[in-house]
């Protein structure tokens, strides 16, 4: 038997030695690299041929075990950049002029500790000298030819490539995306890190740092004046939202009509919810664990990505354009210079959240996340391979943020109705009709049945809480969360709905009230073209999770066996949305 096994292996080895990449892959030159790698691996396995040296089978097995990855990482297949779609299904092609797989690749190295720390300042506080310097850097960047990876459009298209699914994943036909999961924060940190260093190098200033749009502070809740002049101008913005209009960081396509003071107070309260009470656990803030392969897909954005991130993209983008370009559509967002200030503040808030939770160790220690790998060009036009683990400590990247007051930390919302009165009203409403309330949309069962429930109107559901009267330690260990599951969006559309707990009249309140638990936002993505497969529409349902432990304490409902949860569609978008149900879970 042993002799027969060796004969079989030798016969297979002889066949493999005679094969070339053209024998196996003649139809697509982009697959040549994969073919060569495939054949080499098989030769190494069956013949013991490794790195030009003939080995015994035992040696070959040991080597294969040594080089075999201990886990599968998420990374783009650089040979697969292909056309993709805008949010409105218009063809988009944002790939580089030549395949990045043909370029030499270097591994990321931390900046030398002798380099100065680049200090990012609030955009509304920078001086005229800085604005002139930044304008000059952008002007130079815009003058570079497109085949230069440092050029402005190449920089903008980097975001387009990764957000419209222009890359397949390595070793998979699945598309690679960087939104709506735990990839969101680290990928954008990488992008603006390299962008910032390229700008500095173009003007010969190693101290140059990007500004951040401090939209979470009352003084910064306007489009900064610096973006209204010179190279910073983008004509594709909503003119009604230019200064002195206060930003609506929870924008839903409709104007709230609030005065400046009311809008600011609502924004500040909303930030408290998104950064503190609704984001006490890593997944709630960072997003769901998205891993390699079709089975690794997830769609569950964190609090800040949903809003203010998505909301401000939409608020700034032009209402005259079909997809609210530039900033309002992901494929074009990075064409507006304010994109980088917007994401600098997102990046700053990631640091702030880490500090709020202690920041002694990474919030996520999963090696599949830490080793997820992406590619960017540096200031020398070199293609750099960089891992998430490389960007977790911004101090090692030699940049920092000027300290500002996070006023929202002291903006904990209060109940709109005294909790005892609210409980009485809700009980009376239930007694009058245990199945229906005044809107005819109350549902007793938390599971909405086979076809789900359409969110074309407000939906209320009574949930039984598995645990009550939990101790402080139990609450710290496990966050009580509301899970809205089976969110099915009928087409690639913008969708937004808010979630309230024990609300007497949710039509009269918003994020400034403690009954507000969180908001779900779906931005149109247009991600569905897979290389060599044509159009591929993969229908997936989404999950929305939001923490409510602190909210229940403030509503004096921590000891209640049941609570009322209300889903309120915004902007007329619920007609495109059904939900399978709502439940309570506990997250460690």
Protein backbone atom coordinates (compact mmCIF):
# COMPACT_ATOMS: atom_id res chain seq x y z
CA UNK A 1 0.00 0.00 0.00
CA UNK A 2 2.83 2.41 0.84
CA UNK A 3 4.47 1.77 -2.54
CA UNK A 4 1.19 2.42 -4.38
CA UNK A 5 0.73 5.71 -2.49
CA UNK A 6 4.21 6.89 -3.53
CA UNK A 7 3.61 5.93 -7.15
CA UNK A 8 0.37 7.93 -7.15
CA UNK A 9 2.06 10.97 -5.65
CA UNK A 10 4.97 10.84 -8.07
CA UNK A 11 2.60 10.49 -11.03
CA UNK A 12 0.60 13.53 -9.88
CA UNK A 13 3.81 15.45 -9.30
CA UNK A 14 5.05 14.74 -12.83
CA UNK A 15 1.77 16.07 -14.22
CA UNK A 16 2.03 19.22 -12.15
CA UNK A 17 5.63 19.86 -13.15
CA UNK A 18 4.57 19.88 -16.77
CA UNK A 19 1.75 22.35 -16.25
CA UNK A 20 2.11 26.05 -16.80
CA UNK A 21 -0.15 28.91 -15.81
CA UNK A 22 -1.27 29.27 -19.43
CA UNK A 23 -2.40 25.63 -19.42
CA UNK A 24 -4.77 26.30 -16.57
CA UNK A 25 -5.69 29.96 -17.02
CA UNK A 26 -5.63 31.08 -20.62
CA UNK A 27 -8.83 33.07 -20.63
CA UNK A 28 -7.92 35.90 -18.23
CA UNK A 29 -4.48 37.39 -17.87
CA UNK A 30 -5.46 38.92 -14.51
CA UNK A 31 -5.54 35.41 -13.05
CA UNK A 32 -1.98 34.53 -14.12
CA UNK A 33 -0.54 35.41 -10.73
CA UNK A 34 -3.09 33.24 -8.97
CA UNK A 35 -2.37 30.35 -11.34
CA UNK A 36 1.36 30.47 -10.73
CA UNK A 37 0.82 30.60 -6.97
CA UNK A 38 -1.65 27.70 -7.17
CA UNK A 39 0.76 25.49 -9.13
CA UNK A 40 3.70 26.35 -6.89
CA UNK A 41 1.75 25.40 -3.79
CA UNK A 42 0.78 22.05 -5.29
CA UNK A 43 4.36 21.34 -6.35
CA UNK A 44 5.57 22.13 -2.87
CA UNK A 45 2.95 19.87 -1.31
CA UNK A 46 3.30 16.81 -3.52
CA UNK A 47 6.92 16.93 -4.68
CA UNK A 48 8.62 18.55 -1.75
CA UNK A 49 10.01 21.23 -4.06
CA UNK A 50 10.34 24.45 -2.09
CA UNK A 51 12.34 27.58 -2.90
CA UNK A 52 14.37 25.80 -5.56
CA UNK A 53 15.41 22.89 -3.31
CA UNK A 54 14.31 19.25 -3.47
CA UNK A 55 13.12 18.06 -0.07
CA UNK A 56 11.76 14.91 1.51
CA UNK A 57 8.00 14.62 1.88
CA UNK A 58 8.37 15.06 5.64
CA UNK A 59 10.33 18.31 5.14
CA UNK A 60 7.78 19.61 2.63
CA UNK A 61 4.93 18.89 5.02
CA UNK A 62 6.70 20.75 7.79
CA UNK A 63 7.30 23.76 5.56
CA UNK A 64 3.71 23.83 4.36
CA UNK A 65 2.53 23.74 7.95
CA UNK A 66 4.92 26.58 8.75
CA UNK A 67 3.73 28.90 5.96
CA UNK A 68 0.05 28.03 6.28
CA UNK A 69 -1.77 31.02 7.80
CA UNK A 70 -3.14 30.41 11.25
CA UNK A 71 -6.27 32.36 10.35
CA UNK A 72 -7.87 33.75 7.22
CA UNK A 73 -7.51 37.51 6.97
CA UNK A 74 -9.63 40.00 5.11
CA UNK A 75 -7.65 41.70 2.35
CA UNK A 76 -8.30 42.85 -1.22
CA UNK A 77 -7.29 40.81 -4.24
CA UNK A 78 -5.31 43.48 -6.09
CA UNK A 79 -5.77 41.70 -9.42
CA UNK A 80 -9.55 42.16 -9.31
CA UNK A 81 -10.26 45.89 -9.39
CA UNK A 82 -13.31 46.20 -11.64
CA UNK A 83 -16.20 48.48 -12.48
CA UNK A 84 -18.75 49.00 -9.74
CA UNK A 85 -21.97 50.94 -9.20
CA UNK A 86 -22.88 54.27 -7.73
CA UNK A 87 -25.63 54.42 -5.15
CA UNK A 88 -28.20 54.88 -7.92
CA UNK A 89 -26.89 51.93 -9.96
CA UNK A 90 -24.91 54.09 -12.38
CA UNK A 91 -21.67 52.47 -13.59
CA UNK A 92 -18.58 53.70 -11.75
CA UNK A 93 -14.96 52.94 -12.58
CA UNK A 94 -12.50 54.26 -10.04
CA UNK A 95 -9.65 51.75 -10.42
CA UNK A 96 -6.04 52.92 -10.86
CA UNK A 97 -4.59 53.22 -14.40
CA UNK A 98 -2.63 50.00 -13.89
CA UNK A 99 -3.15 47.03 -11.64
CA UNK A 100 -1.72 47.62 -8.20
CA UNK A 101 -0.79 43.94 -8.18
CA UNK A 102 1.91 44.81 -10.73
CA UNK A 103 3.59 47.31 -8.41
CA UNK A 104 6.31 46.54 -5.87
CA UNK A 105 4.81 46.35 -2.38
CA UNK A 106 6.51 47.38 0.85
CA UNK A 107 5.34 46.64 4.38
CA UNK A 108 4.31 49.52 6.59
CA UNK A 109 6.91 50.98 8.90
CA UNK A 110 6.09 53.32 11.77
CA UNK A 111 7.39 56.88 11.37
CA UNK A 112 10.71 57.51 13.07
CA UNK A 113 10.32 58.70 16.66
CA UNK A 114 12.45 61.71 15.74
CA UNK A 115 9.67 63.00 13.49
CA UNK A 116 7.61 65.87 14.91
CA UNK A 117 4.09 65.14 16.11
CA UNK A 118 1.55 66.44 13.61
CA UNK A 119 -1.16 68.20 15.62
CA UNK A 120 -4.64 68.24 14.08
CA UNK A 121 -6.61 71.34 15.07
CA UNK A 122 -10.32 72.24 14.89
CA UNK A 123 -11.06 73.56 11.39
CA UNK A 124 -12.99 76.55 12.74
CA UNK A 125 -9.98 77.70 14.78
CA UNK A 126 -7.08 77.54 12.29
CA UNK A 127 -5.39 80.80 11.26
CA UNK A 128 -4.91 82.44 7.86
CA UNK A 129 -1.36 81.11 7.45
CA UNK A 130 -2.54 77.53 7.91
CA UNK A 131 -5.43 78.00 5.47
CA UNK A 132 -3.04 79.40 2.85
CA UNK A 133 -0.69 76.45 3.36
CA UNK A 134 -3.48 73.88 3.10
CA UNK A 135 -4.88 75.60 -0.02
CA UNK A 136 -1.47 75.43 -1.66
CA UNK A 137 -1.07 71.73 -0.82
CA UNK A 138 -4.48 70.88 -2.30
CA UNK A 139 -3.76 72.96 -5.41
CA UNK A 140 -0.52 71.07 -6.00
CA UNK A 141 -2.26 67.74 -5.41
CA UNK A 142 -4.97 68.65 -7.92
CA UNK A 143 -2.32 69.57 -10.51
CA UNK A 144 -0.73 66.12 -10.47
CA UNK A 145 -1.57 63.76 -13.37
CA UNK A 146 -3.99 60.90 -12.73
CA UNK A 147 -1.29 58.27 -13.12
CA UNK A 148 0.38 59.75 -10.03
CA UNK A 149 -1.18 57.98 -7.02
CA UNK A 150 -0.73 61.16 -4.98
CA UNK A 151 -3.07 63.12 -7.30
CA UNK A 152 -6.30 64.44 -5.85
CA UNK A 153 -8.63 62.23 -7.91
CA UNK A 154 -6.57 59.13 -7.20
CA UNK A 155 -6.83 59.94 -3.50
CA UNK A 156 -10.59 60.43 -3.81
CA UNK A 157 -11.00 57.26 -5.84
CA UNK A 158 -9.29 55.22 -3.13
CA UNK A 159 -12.45 55.70 -1.09
CA UNK A 160 -14.57 54.89 -4.14
CA UNK A 161 -12.71 51.61 -4.71
CA UNK A 162 -13.23 50.33 -1.19
CA UNK A 163 -16.77 51.60 -0.64
CA UNK A 164 -18.41 50.50 -3.91
CA UNK A 165 -17.05 46.96 -3.94
CA UNK A 166 -14.50 47.44 -6.74
CA UNK A 167 -12.24 44.81 -5.17
CA UNK A 168 -12.99 41.17 -4.56
CA UNK A 169 -11.57 39.66 -1.41
CA UNK A 170 -8.38 37.63 -1.64
CA UNK A 171 -9.16 33.91 -2.06
CA UNK A 172 -12.87 34.61 -2.48
CA UNK A 173 -15.39 35.94 -4.97
CA UNK A 174 -16.96 37.95 -2.16
CA UNK A 175 -16.74 41.71 -2.47
CA UNK A 176 -14.67 43.72 -0.04
CA UNK A 177 -16.35 46.59 1.81
CA UNK A 178 -15.16 48.94 4.51
CA UNK A 179 -18.43 50.40 5.79
CA UNK A 180 -21.07 49.04 8.18
CA UNK A 181 -18.72 46.87 10.27
CA UNK A 182 -15.65 46.95 12.50
CA UNK A 183 -13.52 47.87 9.44
CA UNK A 184 -14.97 51.38 9.38
CA UNK A 185 -12.74 53.16 11.91
CA UNK A 186 -9.33 51.60 11.11
CA UNK A 187 -9.67 51.79 7.31
CA UNK A 188 -10.52 55.49 7.34
CA UNK A 189 -7.67 56.14 9.78
CA UNK A 190 -5.29 54.57 7.26
CA UNK A 191 -6.68 56.62 4.40
CA UNK A 192 -6.39 60.03 6.05
CA UNK A 193 -2.99 59.15 7.54
CA UNK A 194 -1.44 58.66 4.11
CA UNK A 195 -3.39 61.59 2.63
CA UNK A 196 -2.08 63.91 5.33
CA UNK A 197 1.54 62.88 4.81
CA UNK A 198 1.26 63.29 1.04
CA UNK A 199 -0.06 66.84 1.48
CA UNK A 200 2.78 67.70 3.83
CA UNK A 201 5.40 66.33 1.46
CA UNK A 202 4.00 68.32 -1.48
CA UNK A 203 4.72 71.58 0.35
CA UNK A 204 7.83 70.35 2.15
CA UNK A 205 6.29 70.64 5.62
CA UNK A 206 6.77 67.64 7.89
CA UNK A 207 4.62 69.36 10.55
CA UNK A 208 1.56 69.63 8.31
CA UNK A 209 -1.59 68.11 9.82
CA UNK A 210 -5.16 67.88 8.62
CA UNK A 211 -7.79 69.88 10.49
CA UNK A 212 -10.83 68.21 12.03
CA UNK A 213 -14.40 69.38 11.64
CA UNK A 214 -15.46 69.70 15.28
CA UNK A 215 -19.19 69.20 14.56
CA UNK A 216 -19.80 67.68 18.00
CA UNK A 217 -18.97 71.01 19.66
CA UNK A 218 -21.39 73.99 19.55
CA UNK A 219 -18.69 76.30 18.16
CA UNK A 220 -17.94 73.87 15.34
CA UNK A 221 -21.46 72.90 14.24
CA UNK A 222 -21.18 74.79 10.95
CA UNK A 223 -19.35 74.10 7.70
CA UNK A 224 -15.99 75.75 8.50
CA UNK A 225 -15.33 78.98 6.57
CA UNK A 226 -12.01 77.64 5.26
CA UNK A 227 -13.94 75.28 2.93
CA UNK A 228 -15.70 78.15 1.18
CA UNK A 229 -12.63 79.60 -0.58
CA UNK A 230 -9.70 78.69 -2.81
CA UNK A 231 -8.84 75.06 -3.42
CA UNK A 232 -11.24 74.03 -0.63
CA UNK A 233 -14.34 75.01 -2.59
CA UNK A 234 -16.67 72.26 -3.72
CA UNK A 235 -19.66 73.52 -5.67
CA UNK A 236 -21.55 70.27 -5.07
CA UNK A 237 -22.92 71.11 -1.62
CA UNK A 238 -26.41 71.91 -0.37
CA UNK A 239 -26.45 75.71 -0.54
CA UNK A 240 -29.12 75.91 2.17
CA UNK A 241 -26.71 74.23 4.58
CA UNK A 242 -23.84 76.68 4.17
CA UNK A 243 -22.92 78.94 7.12
CA UNK A 244 -24.49 80.21 9.27
CA UNK A 245 -26.78 77.13 9.14
CA UNK A 246 -26.23 74.83 12.13
CA UNK A 247 -25.43 71.25 11.10
CA UNK A 248 -28.08 68.61 11.77
CA UNK A 249 -25.90 65.67 12.79
CA UNK A 250 -28.96 63.38 12.79
CA UNK A 251 -30.21 64.55 9.38
CA UNK A 252 -32.90 62.46 7.65
CA UNK A 253 -33.39 64.26 4.30
CA UNK A 254 -36.00 66.53 5.89
CA UNK A 255 -35.42 69.94 7.43
CA UNK A 256 -36.39 70.02 11.10
CA UNK A 257 -36.80 73.78 11.13
CA UNK A 258 -35.17 74.11 14.55
CA UNK A 259 -33.63 77.38 15.62
CA UNK A 260 -29.85 77.47 16.19
CA UNK A 261 -30.05 76.98 19.97
CA UNK A 262 -32.51 74.08 19.75
CA UNK A 263 -30.52 72.39 16.98
CA UNK A 264 -27.30 72.69 18.99
CA UNK A 265 -28.87 71.26 22.16
CA UNK A 266 -30.38 68.38 20.16
CA UNK A 267 -27.01 67.67 18.55
CA UNK A 268 -25.22 67.63 21.90
CA UNK A 269 -27.76 65.24 23.45
CA UNK A 270 -27.56 63.02 20.39
CA UNK A 271 -23.77 62.83 20.73
CA UNK A 272 -24.14 61.67 24.33
CA UNK A 273 -26.33 58.81 23.19
CA UNK A 274 -24.03 57.79 20.30
CA UNK A 275 -20.80 58.02 22.31
CA UNK A 276 -21.86 57.02 25.83
CA UNK A 277 -25.20 55.44 26.72
CA UNK A 278 -25.76 53.64 23.41
CA UNK A 279 -22.15 52.58 22.88
CA UNK A 280 -21.00 50.91 26.08
CA UNK A 281 -19.86 47.72 24.36
CA UNK A 282 -17.34 47.34 21.56
CA UNK A 283 -19.67 45.99 18.89
CA UNK A 284 -22.22 48.73 19.57
CA UNK A 285 -19.60 51.40 18.84
CA UNK A 286 -17.25 49.70 16.38
CA UNK A 287 -19.75 47.67 14.37
CA UNK A 288 -20.21 43.96 13.76
CA UNK A 289 -17.32 41.48 13.23
CA UNK A 290 -16.82 41.27 9.46
CA UNK A 291 -14.52 38.49 8.32
CA UNK A 292 -13.21 36.91 5.13
CA UNK A 293 -15.38 34.88 2.78
CA UNK A 294 -19.08 34.79 2.11
CA UNK A 295 -19.80 33.31 5.54
CA UNK A 296 -17.87 36.12 7.21
CA UNK A 297 -20.20 38.83 5.93
CA UNK A 298 -21.99 41.05 8.42
CA UNK A 299 -23.98 44.24 8.18
CA UNK A 300 -24.22 46.00 11.52
CA UNK A 301 -22.77 49.53 11.75
CA UNK A 302 -21.72 51.10 15.01
CA UNK A 303 -23.39 54.13 16.56
CA UNK A 304 -21.10 56.85 15.19
CA UNK A 305 -21.02 55.40 11.67
CA UNK A 306 -24.82 55.45 11.50
CA UNK A 307 -24.95 59.04 12.66
CA UNK A 308 -23.38 61.58 12.74
CA UNK A 309 -21.18 59.99 10.03
CA UNK A 310 -23.86 58.99 7.51
CA UNK A 311 -26.12 61.88 8.42
CA UNK A 312 -23.48 64.55 7.79
CA UNK A 313 -22.43 62.99 4.49
CA UNK A 314 -26.01 63.48 3.38
CA UNK A 315 -26.47 66.91 4.99
CA UNK A 316 -23.47 68.43 3.17
CA UNK A 317 -24.08 66.84 -0.25
CA UNK A 318 -26.00 68.79 -2.88
CA UNK A 319 -29.78 68.42 -2.85
CA UNK A 320 -29.72 69.22 -6.60
CA UNK A 321 -27.81 66.05 -7.49
CA UNK A 322 -29.47 62.63 -7.86
CA UNK A 323 -27.29 61.04 -5.20
CA UNK A 324 -26.44 64.20 -3.24
CA UNK A 325 -22.94 64.24 -4.70
CA UNK A 326 -20.25 65.01 -3.77
CA UNK A 327 -20.20 64.25 -0.05
CA UNK A 328 -23.63 62.62 -0.02
CA UNK A 329 -22.63 59.67 -2.22
CA UNK A 330 -19.88 57.31 -1.10
CA UNK A 331 -18.36 56.97 -4.57
CA UNK A 332 -17.79 60.74 -4.82
CA UNK A 333 -17.52 61.73 -1.14
CA UNK A 334 -13.73 62.13 -1.00
CA UNK A 335 -13.80 64.63 -3.88
CA UNK A 336 -14.96 67.25 -1.38
CA UNK A 337 -12.01 68.45 0.76
CA UNK A 338 -14.31 68.60 3.79
CA UNK A 339 -14.43 64.78 3.67
CA UNK A 340 -10.99 64.64 5.30
CA UNK A 341 -11.94 67.05 8.10
CA UNK A 342 -15.15 65.07 8.66
CA UNK A 343 -13.23 61.82 9.00
CA UNK A 344 -10.52 63.39 11.12
CA UNK A 345 -13.21 64.11 13.69
CA UNK A 346 -14.56 60.57 13.34
CA UNK A 347 -11.02 59.35 13.97
CA UNK A 348 -10.65 61.65 16.99
CA UNK A 349 -13.87 60.31 18.47
CA UNK A 350 -12.52 56.76 18.16
CA UNK A 351 -9.64 57.86 20.41
CA UNK A 352 -12.07 59.57 22.80
CA UNK A 353 -14.23 56.45 23.05
CA UNK A 354 -11.16 54.33 23.80
CA UNK A 355 -10.20 56.75 26.55
CA UNK A 356 -13.70 56.60 28.04
CA UNK A 357 -13.43 52.81 28.34
CA UNK A 358 -9.94 52.92 29.88
CA UNK A 359 -7.92 52.38 26.73
CA UNK A 360 -5.42 50.01 28.36
CA UNK A 361 -5.68 47.42 25.57
CA UNK A 362 -7.28 47.18 22.11
CA UNK A 363 -11.05 47.01 22.21
CA UNK A 364 -10.83 44.08 19.78
CA UNK A 365 -8.17 41.38 20.13
CA UNK A 366 -9.40 39.05 17.39
CA UNK A 367 -6.34 38.26 15.20
CA UNK A 368 -8.53 38.15 12.08
CA UNK A 369 -9.32 41.82 12.70
CA UNK A 370 -5.84 42.81 13.80
CA UNK A 371 -4.24 41.26 10.70
CA UNK A 372 -6.79 42.50 8.15
CA UNK A 373 -4.66 44.14 5.48
CA UNK A 374 -5.11 47.02 3.03
CA UNK A 375 -2.95 48.89 0.53
CA UNK A 376 -2.24 52.63 0.19
CA UNK A 377 0.35 54.76 -1.58
CA UNK A 378 2.63 56.81 0.63
CA UNK A 379 4.20 60.22 0.03
CA UNK A 380 6.92 58.55 -2.08
CA UNK A 381 4.30 56.91 -4.33
CA UNK A 382 5.22 53.49 -2.93
CA UNK A 383 2.46 50.95 -2.46
CA UNK A 384 2.30 50.09 1.24
CA UNK A 385 0.79 46.99 2.82
CA UNK A 386 -0.66 47.95 6.21
CA UNK A 387 -2.55 46.00 8.87
CA UNK A 388 -5.16 47.16 11.33
CA UNK A 389 -2.82 46.34 14.21
CA UNK A 390 -0.46 48.99 12.79
CA UNK A 391 -2.89 51.86 13.33
CA UNK A 392 -4.43 51.20 16.74
CA UNK A 393 -2.10 53.60 18.56
CA UNK A 394 -2.21 56.99 16.84
CA UNK A 395 0.77 58.20 18.88
CA UNK A 396 2.96 55.67 17.04
CA UNK A 397 1.75 57.24 13.80
CA UNK A 398 3.13 60.59 15.03
CA UNK A 399 -0.07 62.58 15.00
CA UNK A 400 -2.35 63.92 17.75
CA UNK A 401 -5.46 66.05 18.20
CA UNK A 402 -5.56 69.42 19.87
CA UNK A 403 -7.52 69.00 23.07
CA UNK A 404 -11.08 70.29 22.91
CA UNK A 405 -13.92 70.10 25.38
CA UNK A 406 -16.37 67.29 24.71
CA UNK A 407 -19.43 69.16 25.95
CA UNK A 408 -21.71 66.21 25.19
CA UNK A 409 -20.21 64.27 28.09
CA UNK A 410 -22.35 66.41 30.40
CA UNK A 411 -25.49 66.29 28.24
CA UNK A 412 -27.21 63.19 29.59
CA UNK A 413 -30.84 63.49 28.40
CA UNK A 414 -33.80 63.56 30.79
CA UNK A 415 -37.17 61.82 30.33
CA UNK A 416 -39.72 63.92 28.43
CA UNK A 417 -42.44 62.72 30.82
CA UNK A 418 -41.90 61.79 34.48
CA UNK A 419 -41.39 57.98 34.43
CA UNK A 420 -44.23 57.25 36.87
CA UNK A 421 -46.71 59.21 34.78
CA UNK A 422 -45.43 57.61 31.58
CA UNK A 423 -45.89 54.14 33.08
CA UNK A 424 -49.48 54.95 34.03
CA UNK A 425 -50.29 56.28 30.55
CA UNK A 426 -48.79 53.23 28.85
CA UNK A 427 -50.67 50.90 31.19
CA UNK A 428 -53.98 52.68 30.53
CA UNK A 429 -53.38 52.48 26.79
CA UNK A 430 -52.69 48.76 27.03
CA UNK A 431 -55.75 48.10 29.18
CA UNK A 432 -58.03 49.92 26.76
CA UNK A 433 -56.88 47.67 23.94
CA UNK A 434 -54.20 45.03 24.57
CA UNK A 435 -53.50 44.69 20.85
CA UNK A 436 -53.89 48.16 19.37
CA UNK A 437 -53.05 51.68 20.50
CA UNK A 438 -54.14 55.02 19.06
CA UNK A 439 -51.99 54.51 15.95
CA UNK A 440 -53.43 51.00 15.35
CA UNK A 441 -49.93 49.66 15.08
CA UNK A 442 -49.06 48.15 18.48
CA UNK A 443 -47.90 44.55 18.29
CA UNK A 444 -47.84 42.21 21.28
CA UNK A 445 -45.59 39.53 19.79
CA UNK A 446 -41.95 40.58 19.32
CA UNK A 447 -41.71 38.37 16.23
CA UNK A 448 -43.60 39.91 13.33
CA UNK A 449 -44.31 36.68 11.45
CA UNK A 450 -43.19 35.12 8.20
CA UNK A 451 -43.42 38.28 6.09
CA UNK A 452 -42.27 40.70 8.78
CA UNK A 453 -43.77 44.12 9.41
CA UNK A 454 -43.51 47.02 6.94
CA UNK A 455 -42.25 50.24 8.48
CA UNK A 456 -44.53 52.50 6.48
CA UNK A 457 -45.86 53.80 9.80
CA UNK A 458 -44.88 53.80 13.46
CA UNK A 459 -44.66 50.32 15.01
CA UNK A 460 -44.89 49.62 18.75
CA UNK A 461 -44.07 46.33 20.39
CA UNK A 462 -44.15 45.15 23.99
CA UNK A 463 -41.03 43.24 25.02
CA UNK A 464 -40.56 40.99 28.04
CA UNK A 465 -37.21 41.49 29.76
CA UNK A 466 -35.41 38.25 30.67
CA UNK A 467 -33.56 39.92 33.57
CA UNK A 468 -34.63 42.61 36.03
CA UNK A 469 -33.06 44.26 39.11
CA UNK A 470 -29.54 43.50 37.93
CA UNK A 471 -26.64 44.54 40.14
CA UNK A 472 -24.12 47.22 39.13
CA UNK A 473 -21.54 44.51 38.44
CA UNK A 474 -23.95 42.55 36.27
CA UNK A 475 -24.74 45.68 34.28
CA UNK A 476 -21.06 46.44 33.74
CA UNK A 477 -20.42 42.90 32.57
CA UNK A 478 -23.46 42.65 30.28
CA UNK A 479 -25.19 45.48 28.44
CA UNK A 480 -28.91 45.06 27.91
CA UNK A 481 -29.61 45.73 24.24
CA UNK A 482 -32.54 46.03 21.87
CA UNK A 483 -32.06 43.99 18.70
CA UNK A 484 -34.11 44.92 15.65
CA UNK A 485 -33.55 41.90 13.42
CA UNK A 486 -34.36 40.89 9.88
CA UNK A 487 -34.27 44.44 8.53
CA UNK A 488 -35.04 43.90 4.85
CA UNK A 489 -34.64 46.86 2.50
CA UNK A 490 -36.48 46.15 -0.73
CA UNK A 491 -34.03 48.05 -2.90
CA UNK A 492 -30.70 49.82 -2.53
CA UNK A 493 -32.20 52.86 -0.84
CA UNK A 494 -31.65 55.37 1.92
CA UNK A 495 -33.59 54.24 5.00
CA UNK A 496 -33.77 55.73 8.48
CA UNK A 497 -35.80 54.87 11.57
CA UNK A 498 -35.50 55.81 15.25
CA UNK A 499 -36.00 53.55 18.25
CA UNK A 500 -37.71 54.73 21.46
CA UNK A 501 -38.40 53.05 24.80
CA UNK A 502 -41.51 53.72 26.89
CA UNK A 503 -42.38 56.80 24.84
CA UNK A 504 -45.80 58.33 25.53
CA UNK A 505 -45.72 60.46 22.37
CA UNK A 506 -42.68 59.93 20.17
CA UNK A 507 -43.97 62.48 17.64
CA UNK A 508 -43.11 65.29 20.07
CA UNK A 509 -39.62 64.22 21.12
CA UNK A 510 -36.18 63.40 19.68
CA UNK A 511 -32.62 62.68 20.80
CA UNK A 512 -32.88 65.37 23.48
CA UNK A 513 -35.25 63.04 25.41
CA UNK A 514 -34.16 59.99 27.38
CA UNK A 515 -36.78 57.80 25.68
CA UNK A 516 -34.69 57.98 22.49
CA UNK A 517 -32.56 54.83 22.27
CA UNK A 518 -30.87 55.15 18.88
CA UNK A 519 -31.20 55.51 15.14
CA UNK A 520 -30.72 53.14 12.21
CA UNK A 521 -29.47 54.57 8.91
CA UNK A 522 -28.94 52.68 5.66
CA UNK A 523 -26.94 54.57 3.04
CA UNK A 524 -27.31 53.41 -0.55
CA UNK A 525 -24.18 51.53 -1.55
CA UNK A 526 -24.57 50.07 -5.04
CA UNK A 527 -22.23 47.18 -4.16
CA UNK A 528 -23.07 44.14 -6.24
CA UNK A 529 -20.77 43.60 -9.23
CA UNK A 530 -18.38 40.68 -8.81
CA UNK A 531 -15.48 40.11 -11.21
CA UNK A 532 -16.15 37.27 -13.68
CA UNK A 533 -19.70 36.86 -12.41
CA UNK A 534 -21.41 39.87 -13.94
CA UNK A 535 -24.17 41.42 -11.86
CA UNK A 536 -24.69 39.58 -8.61
CA UNK A 537 -27.49 40.72 -6.35
CA UNK A 538 -27.07 39.17 -2.91
CA UNK A 539 -30.12 39.87 -0.76
CA UNK A 540 -29.17 40.10 2.89
CA UNK A 541 -31.02 41.25 5.95
CA UNK A 542 -29.54 43.64 8.48
CA UNK A 543 -29.48 43.73 12.27
CA UNK A 544 -29.55 46.87 14.41
CA UNK A 545 -28.38 46.73 18.04
CA UNK A 546 -28.51 49.50 20.62
CA UNK A 547 -27.64 49.54 24.32
CA UNK A 548 -30.35 50.52 26.83
CA UNK A 549 -28.98 49.76 30.31
CA UNK A 550 -28.42 53.39 31.28
CA UNK A 551 -31.60 54.47 29.51
CA UNK A 552 -33.70 52.04 31.58
CA UNK A 553 -32.18 53.38 34.79
CA UNK A 554 -33.06 56.95 33.82
CA UNK A 555 -36.62 55.90 32.89
CA UNK A 556 -36.91 54.09 36.25
CA UNK A 557 -37.76 50.93 34.30
CA UNK A 558 -34.89 48.74 35.43
CA UNK A 559 -37.20 46.64 37.58
CA UNK A 560 -40.00 46.38 35.02
CA UNK A 561 -40.75 42.98 33.53
CA UNK A 562 -41.81 44.55 30.22
CA UNK A 563 -41.04 47.66 28.20
CA UNK A 564 -42.60 49.29 25.13
CA UNK A 565 -40.31 49.73 22.12
CA UNK A 566 -41.32 52.02 19.26
CA UNK A 567 -39.86 52.06 15.74
CA UNK A 568 -40.41 55.40 14.01
CA UNK A 569 -39.60 55.60 10.27
CA UNK A 570 -38.10 58.91 9.17
CA UNK A 571 -38.18 60.83 5.92
CA UNK A 572 -40.81 58.61 4.36
CA UNK A 573 -38.25 55.82 3.91
CA UNK A 574 -40.07 53.05 5.79
CA UNK A 575 -42.07 52.06 2.72
CA UNK A 576 -38.94 50.28 1.45
CA UNK A 577 -38.35 48.43 4.71
CA UNK A 578 -39.71 45.42 6.57
CA UNK A 579 -38.57 44.09 9.94
CA UNK A 580 -38.82 40.50 11.16
CA UNK A 581 -38.97 41.40 14.83
CA UNK A 582 -37.54 43.01 17.95
CA UNK A 583 -36.00 41.33 20.97
CA UNK A 584 -33.86 41.95 24.05
CA UNK A 585 -30.42 40.41 24.40
CA UNK A 586 -27.39 40.87 26.64
CA UNK A 587 -23.97 41.74 25.28
CA UNK A 588 -20.70 41.16 27.14
